[in-house]
Amino acid sequence: MFNGFCHTVIGASHIKSGTVCQDSSVFRAYENYGIAVVADGHGSKKHFRSDKGSEMAVKAALDAVEEFYKNLEAFEESFLNDPDNIIKKIEKNIISRWNRLVIHHYTHHPYTDKEREPFTEKEFKRIKVESVYGTTLIVAVMGRKFTFGTQIGDGSLVQICDDAAAEMPIAYEESAPANITASMCNSQAINYFNSFYTIEEKPIAVFVSTDGLYTSFRSDEDFLDYHSILANQLSNIDTFSLSIRKNLSKRAQCGTQDDTSLACVFDCEVLAEKLEELKEQVEVNKIHA
């Protein structure tokens, strides 16, 4: 019933500097829901293990959502009764899991001399363990009776609505006030999540991506048109997935040269019903362009 994909490609700037890829992505399809997740490690000086942080963030999101879905009927009923409260509980669960993974990794992998080298002793003592693993996170979940997403930090979530129009239900912006990082590593991370949900109308697909993709486009319109084109090809996902990766690689090499991740989840039955609307939307976008 559910399908999707995920791809992560390293940016040209990271290849040039010898920096590891700091993005992570994952997609999973289960009997009653599908989930797509991306995360972007911050990569600046004090976040020197952010590649591990992003890996842990996507794992924490997967595990958290899976736990809520273990009792399917109860979870669906609770969500339909109070979606905002349930999403907040999921966000808290993700944060808790991520912090446990961070502490476990730190405990079993003490800082190396090489990691300490860029800092003075005084500077290093000021860095909190969580900050070392700092990362953004975007999660999209499509189930039998509802769809929802949650995001902390930059990056984008795009849904292809029932009428085949592409929209960003969560604005592309940092949710934290000035001088505060909207990040999993923030001590008040729960306050910086933004979320959306839809119950009455079932989206055709939901895409999540790190900021390397969004910033490779000239405008929001171009960015959304790109997702309409992708959605129009999802019925051929087995062959189209490779083309998507090639396109992302080109953007990561010639665009902003940043690491780039894109993941998607869609309902196969809804997609099949809406193929004509998707084709028409792509043609409309061409005319507008």
Protein backbone atom coordinates (compact mmCIF):
# COMPACT_ATOMS: atom_id res chain seq x y z
CA MET A 1 0.00 0.00 0.00
CA PHE A 2 2.83 2.38 0.85
CA ASN A 3 6.04 2.98 -1.06
CA GLY A 4 8.77 5.59 -1.36
CA PHE A 5 12.50 6.12 -1.55
CA CYS A 6 15.41 7.90 0.11
CA HIS A 7 18.72 9.19 -1.24
CA THR A 8 21.66 11.02 0.31
CA VAL A 9 24.54 12.40 -1.76
CA ILE A 10 27.68 14.18 -0.60
CA GLY A 11 28.23 17.77 -1.68
CA ALA A 12 31.15 18.91 -3.84
CA SER A 13 32.37 21.27 -1.11
CA HIS A 14 32.66 18.35 1.32
CA ILE A 15 34.53 16.24 -1.21
CA LYS A 16 36.93 19.13 -1.84
CA SER A 17 37.57 19.73 1.86
CA GLY A 18 37.74 16.03 2.74
CA THR A 19 34.72 16.35 5.03
CA VAL A 20 32.41 13.38 5.52
CA CYS A 21 28.79 13.56 4.42
CA GLN A 22 26.75 14.95 7.29
CA ASP A 23 23.29 14.13 5.91
CA SER A 24 21.28 10.99 6.59
CA SER A 25 18.02 9.70 5.16
CA VAL A 26 15.74 6.69 5.48
CA PHE A 27 12.46 5.34 4.12
CA ARG A 28 10.44 2.42 5.45
CA ALA A 29 7.11 0.94 4.36
CA TYR A 30 5.05 -1.15 6.76
CA GLU A 31 1.62 -2.73 6.45
CA ASN A 32 -0.26 0.21 7.93
CA TYR A 33 2.01 3.19 7.33
CA GLY A 34 5.13 4.52 5.64
CA ILE A 35 7.77 6.91 6.95
CA ALA A 36 10.37 9.11 5.28
CA VAL A 37 13.07 10.91 7.28
CA VAL A 38 16.04 13.18 6.56
CA ALA A 39 18.57 14.83 8.88
CA ASP A 40 21.39 17.31 8.29
CA GLY A 41 24.29 17.46 10.73
CA HIS A 42 25.38 21.04 11.37
CA GLY A 43 29.01 20.44 10.46
CA SER A 44 30.47 23.60 11.99
CA LYS A 45 33.49 23.51 14.28
CA LYS A 46 31.87 22.47 17.56
CA HIS A 47 29.51 19.96 15.88
CA PHE A 48 32.35 17.68 14.85
CA ARG A 49 30.33 14.47 15.18
CA SER A 50 27.21 15.76 13.46
CA ASP A 51 27.41 13.01 10.81
CA LYS A 52 26.79 10.52 13.62
CA GLY A 53 24.16 12.84 15.08
CA SER A 54 22.14 12.82 11.86
CA GLU A 55 22.34 9.01 11.67
CA MET A 56 21.04 8.79 15.23
CA ALA A 57 18.26 11.28 14.50
CA VAL A 58 16.76 9.25 11.64
CA LYS A 59 17.04 6.07 13.74
CA ALA A 60 15.37 7.77 16.71
CA ALA A 61 12.52 8.95 14.48
CA LEU A 62 12.00 5.51 12.96
CA ASP A 63 12.00 3.79 16.34
CA ALA A 64 9.70 6.36 17.93
CA VAL A 65 7.04 6.17 15.23
CA GLU A 66 7.29 2.38 15.17
CA GLU A 67 6.66 2.28 18.92
CA PHE A 68 3.50 4.39 18.62
CA TYR A 69 2.21 2.19 15.82
CA LYS A 70 2.66 -1.03 17.80
CA ASN A 71 -0.86 -0.62 19.17
CA LEU A 72 -2.42 0.40 15.86
CA GLU A 73 -6.06 0.88 16.82
CA ALA A 74 -5.30 2.79 20.02
CA PHE A 75 -2.76 5.02 18.29
CA GLU A 76 -5.08 5.89 15.40
CA GLU A 77 -7.94 6.64 17.77
CA SER A 78 -5.75 8.84 19.99
CA PHE A 79 -4.38 10.72 16.99
CA LEU A 80 -7.80 11.40 15.51
CA ASN A 81 -9.03 12.68 18.88
CA ASP A 82 -6.06 14.99 19.59
CA PRO A 83 -3.43 15.10 16.80
CA ASP A 84 -1.46 18.03 18.24
CA ASN A 85 -0.96 16.25 21.54
CA ILE A 86 0.07 12.98 19.90
CA ILE A 87 2.56 14.68 17.59
CA LYS A 88 4.08 16.45 20.58
CA LYS A 89 4.45 13.11 22.37
CA ILE A 90 6.18 11.66 19.32
CA GLU A 91 8.56 14.62 19.19
CA LYS A 92 9.43 14.16 22.86
CA ASN A 93 9.99 10.45 22.27
CA ILE A 94 12.34 11.21 19.36
CA ILE A 95 14.34 13.69 21.45
CA SER A 96 14.65 11.20 24.32
CA ARG A 97 15.80 8.43 22.02
CA TRP A 98 18.29 10.67 20.25
CA ASN A 99 19.83 11.83 23.51
CA ARG A 100 20.21 8.23 24.71
CA LEU A 101 21.91 7.28 21.44
CA VAL A 102 24.24 10.27 21.73
CA ILE A 103 25.28 9.42 25.29
CA HIS A 104 25.79 5.77 24.34
CA HIS A 105 28.03 6.71 21.42
CA TYR A 106 29.97 9.25 23.48
CA THR A 107 30.46 6.72 26.30
CA HIS A 108 31.84 4.08 23.96
CA HIS A 109 33.82 6.48 21.75
CA PRO A 110 35.74 9.02 23.87
CA TYR A 111 36.96 12.17 22.16
CA THR A 112 40.18 11.71 20.24
CA ASP A 113 43.22 13.98 20.26
CA LYS A 114 42.43 14.92 16.67
CA GLU A 115 38.94 16.05 17.66
CA ARG A 116 40.34 18.15 20.49
CA GLU A 117 43.09 19.69 18.39
CA PRO A 118 41.14 22.67 16.91
CA PHE A 119 40.18 23.93 20.37
CA THR A 120 41.90 25.39 23.37
CA GLU A 121 41.33 23.44 26.57
CA LYS A 122 39.00 26.17 27.81
CA GLU A 123 36.97 26.14 24.59
CA PHE A 124 36.64 22.38 24.61
CA LYS A 125 35.30 22.26 28.16
CA ARG A 126 32.48 24.61 27.17
CA ILE A 127 31.14 22.31 24.47
CA LYS A 128 28.19 20.19 25.58
CA VAL A 129 28.14 16.58 24.47
CA GLU A 130 24.83 17.01 22.63
CA SER A 131 26.21 19.94 20.63
CA VAL A 132 28.97 17.76 19.22
CA TYR A 133 26.27 15.67 17.51
CA GLY A 134 23.98 18.58 16.51
CA THR A 135 21.58 17.97 13.63
CA THR A 136 18.29 18.98 12.04
CA LEU A 137 15.48 16.48 11.51
CA ILE A 138 12.41 16.21 9.27
CA VAL A 139 9.92 13.35 9.52
CA ALA A 140 6.91 12.51 7.32
CA VAL A 141 4.46 9.72 8.16
CA MET A 142 1.60 8.55 5.97
CA GLY A 143 -0.90 6.14 7.52
CA ARG A 144 -4.27 4.61 6.79
CA LYS A 145 -6.31 7.41 8.35
CA PHE A 146 -4.00 10.43 8.54
CA THR A 147 -0.71 11.96 7.46
CA PHE A 148 1.60 14.07 9.58
CA GLY A 149 5.06 15.57 9.62
CA THR A 150 7.37 17.28 12.06
CA GLN A 151 10.53 19.31 11.62
CA ILE A 152 13.27 20.95 13.65
CA GLY A 153 15.81 23.17 11.90
CA ASP A 154 16.02 24.03 8.23
CA GLY A 155 15.14 21.86 5.26
CA SER A 156 11.77 21.31 3.59
CA LEU A 157 8.65 19.21 3.72
CA VAL A 158 6.49 19.19 0.57
CA GLN A 159 3.15 17.46 0.24
CA ILE A 160 1.41 16.68 -3.04
CA CYS A 161 -2.18 17.40 -2.13
CA ASP A 162 -5.31 15.55 -3.18
CA ASP A 163 -5.76 17.99 -6.10
CA ALA A 164 -2.13 17.31 -7.24
CA ALA A 165 -0.90 20.75 -6.15
CA ALA A 166 2.46 20.89 -4.34
CA GLU A 167 2.72 22.89 -1.13
CA MET A 168 4.96 23.35 1.89
CA PRO A 169 2.72 23.02 4.96
CA ILE A 170 5.73 23.81 7.15
CA ALA A 171 7.43 27.05 6.09
CA TYR A 172 11.09 26.90 5.08
CA GLU A 173 12.60 28.79 7.97
CA GLU A 174 14.44 28.34 11.24
CA SER A 175 11.86 27.93 13.99
CA ALA A 176 14.14 29.23 16.73
CA PRO A 177 14.63 32.91 17.63
CA ALA A 178 17.83 34.75 16.79
CA ASN A 179 21.08 33.34 18.22
CA ILE A 180 19.46 30.02 19.15
CA THR A 181 20.00 26.93 17.03
CA ALA A 182 16.88 25.02 16.02
CA SER A 183 18.51 21.67 16.53
CA MET A 184 18.13 18.30 18.17
CA CYS A 185 21.02 19.31 20.42
CA ASN A 186 19.23 22.34 21.84
CA SER A 187 18.30 22.00 25.52
CA GLN A 188 14.78 23.24 24.66
CA ALA A 189 14.52 21.30 21.40
CA ILE A 190 10.87 20.38 21.99
CA ASN A 191 9.94 24.07 21.67
CA TYR A 192 11.47 24.40 18.21
CA PHE A 193 9.62 21.66 16.35
CA ASN A 194 7.07 22.67 13.71
CA SER A 195 4.45 20.18 12.55
CA PHE A 196 1.46 19.62 10.30
CA TYR A 197 -1.19 16.95 9.86
CA THR A 198 -4.07 16.16 7.52
CA ILE A 199 -6.99 13.89 8.30
CA GLU A 200 -9.90 14.59 5.97
CA GLU A 201 -7.89 14.79 2.74
CA LYS A 202 -5.25 12.19 1.95
CA PRO A 203 -2.12 13.56 0.22
CA ILE A 204 -0.76 11.70 -2.78
CA ALA A 205 2.80 11.89 -1.50
CA VAL A 206 5.01 13.67 1.01
CA PHE A 207 8.66 14.59 0.40
CA VAL A 208 11.26 15.66 2.97
CA SER A 209 14.65 17.13 2.07
CA THR A 210 17.65 18.83 3.63
CA ASP A 211 18.48 22.43 2.77
CA GLY A 212 20.99 21.42 0.10
CA LEU A 213 18.06 20.71 -2.23
CA TYR A 214 15.94 23.80 -1.53
CA THR A 215 18.85 26.20 -1.95
CA SER A 216 19.69 24.73 -5.37
CA PHE A 217 16.51 26.32 -6.81
CA ARG A 218 15.92 29.93 -7.78
CA SER A 219 12.47 30.20 -6.23
CA ASP A 220 9.80 28.42 -4.21
CA GLU A 221 7.83 27.96 -7.43
CA ASP A 222 10.70 26.12 -9.12
CA PHE A 223 11.21 24.01 -6.00
CA LEU A 224 7.55 23.00 -5.86
CA ASP A 225 7.40 22.34 -9.61
CA TYR A 226 10.32 19.95 -9.18
CA HIS A 227 8.29 17.94 -6.66
CA SER A 228 5.29 17.86 -8.99
CA ILE A 229 7.51 16.35 -11.68
CA LEU A 230 8.83 13.79 -9.19
CA ALA A 231 5.33 12.86 -8.07
CA ASN A 232 4.27 12.35 -11.69
CA GLN A 233 6.96 9.66 -12.01
CA LEU A 234 6.35 7.78 -8.76
CA SER A 235 4.34 5.06 -10.47
CA ASN A 236 7.64 3.99 -12.05
CA ILE A 237 9.54 4.19 -8.79
CA ASP A 238 11.72 1.13 -9.32
CA THR A 239 13.36 2.60 -12.42
CA PHE A 240 12.86 6.28 -11.58
CA SER A 241 14.65 6.13 -8.23
CA LEU A 242 18.04 5.89 -9.94
CA SER A 243 17.27 8.97 -12.04
CA ILE A 244 16.39 10.89 -8.89
CA ARG A 245 19.74 10.03 -7.34
CA LYS A 246 21.58 11.15 -10.46
CA ASN A 247 19.74 14.47 -10.41
CA LEU A 248 20.51 15.00 -6.73
CA SER A 249 24.18 14.25 -7.40
CA LYS A 250 24.28 16.90 -10.13
CA ARG A 251 22.70 19.46 -7.82
CA ALA A 252 25.15 18.57 -5.04
CA GLN A 253 28.05 19.06 -7.45
CA CYS A 254 26.91 22.13 -9.41
CA GLY A 255 24.40 23.88 -7.17
CA THR A 256 25.16 24.90 -3.61
CA GLN A 257 27.67 22.02 -3.43
CA ASP A 258 26.18 20.98 -0.10
CA ASP A 259 25.22 17.49 1.05
CA THR A 260 21.71 16.75 -0.20
CA SER A 261 19.07 14.31 1.01
CA LEU A 262 15.58 13.61 -0.30
CA ALA A 263 13.09 11.03 0.96
CA CYS A 264 9.49 10.33 -0.01
CA VAL A 265 6.51 8.30 1.14
CA PHE A 266 3.35 7.78 -0.87
CA ASP A 267 0.16 5.72 -0.94
CA CYS A 268 0.20 3.46 -4.03
CA GLU A 269 -3.60 3.31 -4.32
CA VAL A 270 -4.06 7.08 -4.07
CA LEU A 271 -1.24 7.62 -6.56
CA ALA A 272 -2.88 5.29 -9.08
CA GLU A 273 -6.15 7.21 -8.77
CA LYS A 274 -4.50 10.60 -9.23
CA LEU A 275 -2.11 10.01 -12.14
CA GLU A 276 -4.16 12.10 -14.58
CA GLU A 277 -4.36 15.02 -12.12
CA LEU A 278 -0.59 14.83 -11.62
CA LYS A 279 0.04 14.94 -15.37
CA GLU A 280 -2.30 17.91 -15.74
CA GLN A 281 -0.56 19.74 -12.88
CA VAL A 282 2.84 19.30 -14.56
CA GLU A 283 1.43 20.76 -17.79
CA VAL A 284 -0.06 23.70 -15.90
CA ASN A 285 3.32 24.34 -14.28
CA LYS A 286 5.00 24.31 -17.70
CA ILE A 287 2.57 26.95 -18.97
CA HIS A 288 3.18 29.15 -15.94
CA ALA A 289 6.94 28.75 -16.36
